[in-house]
Protein backbone atom coordinates (compact mmCIF):
# COMPACT_ATOMS: atom_id res chain seq x y z
CA MET A 1 -9.25 -58.94 16.78
CA LYS A 2 -9.82 -56.44 19.55
CA SER A 3 -7.66 -53.25 19.65
CA ASN A 4 -6.11 -52.03 22.82
CA ILE A 5 -6.34 -48.22 22.90
CA SER A 6 -3.40 -47.96 25.27
CA GLU A 7 -1.14 -49.18 22.44
CA PHE A 8 -1.64 -45.95 20.42
CA PRO A 9 0.66 -43.00 21.19
CA LYS A 10 -1.01 -40.01 22.81
CA HIS A 11 0.92 -37.56 20.59
CA PRO A 12 1.82 -38.00 16.93
CA VAL A 13 5.34 -39.20 16.31
CA HIS A 14 7.44 -37.00 13.99
CA ASP A 15 10.40 -39.08 12.96
CA ALA A 16 10.64 -37.47 9.53
CA PRO A 17 12.28 -34.03 9.38
CA LEU A 18 9.96 -31.12 8.58
CA PRO A 19 10.52 -29.47 5.18
CA ALA A 20 12.48 -26.21 5.23
CA ALA A 21 10.44 -23.05 4.86
CA GLN A 22 10.82 -21.40 1.48
CA PRO A 23 11.41 -17.63 1.38
CA PRO A 24 8.67 -15.65 -0.37
CA THR A 25 9.16 -14.83 -4.03
CA VAL A 26 9.16 -11.10 -4.76
CA PHE A 27 8.92 -9.79 -8.30
CA VAL A 28 10.22 -6.28 -8.97
CA TYR A 29 9.62 -5.18 -12.51
CA GLU A 30 11.06 -1.67 -12.31
CA LYS A 31 11.76 0.86 -9.63
CA MET A 32 8.99 3.45 -9.38
CA THR A 33 10.02 7.08 -9.38
CA TRP A 34 7.65 9.89 -8.58
CA GLN A 35 7.15 13.48 -9.60
CA TYR A 36 5.56 15.80 -7.03
CA LYS A 37 3.50 18.97 -7.25
CA VAL A 38 2.32 21.36 -4.51
CA ILE A 39 -0.62 23.69 -5.14
CA THR A 40 -1.22 26.42 -2.57
CA LYS A 41 -4.59 28.15 -2.23
CA GLY A 42 -5.03 31.21 -0.01
CA ALA A 43 -7.58 31.35 2.79
CA GLY A 44 -9.92 33.55 0.72
CA GLU A 45 -9.71 31.31 -2.35
CA ASN A 46 -11.89 28.31 -3.09
CA PRO A 47 -10.15 24.94 -2.64
CA LEU A 48 -9.50 22.80 -5.70
CA THR A 49 -12.76 22.13 -7.50
CA GLU A 50 -13.87 18.76 -8.76
CA ASP A 51 -13.22 19.88 -12.34
CA GLU A 52 -9.68 20.99 -11.44
CA LEU A 53 -9.00 17.67 -9.68
CA ASN A 54 -10.36 15.71 -12.65
CA ALA A 55 -8.14 17.70 -15.05
CA LEU A 56 -5.10 16.98 -12.85
CA GLY A 57 -6.12 13.29 -12.71
CA LYS A 58 -6.26 13.11 -16.52
CA ASP A 59 -2.65 14.31 -16.53
CA GLY A 60 -1.73 11.48 -14.15
CA TRP A 61 -1.68 13.46 -10.89
CA GLU A 62 -2.99 11.85 -7.70
CA LEU A 63 -3.93 13.95 -4.67
CA VAL A 64 -2.11 12.43 -1.69
CA ALA A 65 -2.62 15.11 0.98
CA ALA A 66 -4.38 18.39 1.68
CA ILE A 67 -2.97 20.33 4.63
CA PRO A 68 -4.90 23.32 5.94
CA HIS A 69 -2.98 26.19 7.55
CA ALA A 70 -4.32 29.41 9.06
CA THR A 71 -3.80 31.47 5.90
CA ARG A 72 -3.60 28.84 3.15
CA THR A 73 -4.22 25.22 2.17
CA GLU A 74 -1.52 23.14 0.51
CA PHE A 75 -2.47 20.32 -1.86
CA TYR A 76 0.21 17.67 -2.46
CA LEU A 77 0.02 15.60 -5.64
CA LYS A 78 2.21 12.90 -7.17
CA ARG A 79 2.45 11.01 -10.43
CA SER A 80 4.65 8.32 -11.88
CA ARG A 81 7.71 9.64 -13.63
CA SER A 82 7.85 7.53 -16.77
């Protein structure tokens, strides 16, 4: 039997309703709280050394910003308060 191409629809037919979108699942185990520390070094002083940063890291501190000013540099650290 020979098929007639003109019998086929040009666009798919969607008679069935589309499934509803599901909202994403978000798991929150516990609310994080932070403790902050600011270390200020004067312009004549050396900035934090690698050893000092490693010692702070062992205590759970993470350096999040270092802001230089004309007369000082401020180092901002945070750690989880648990």
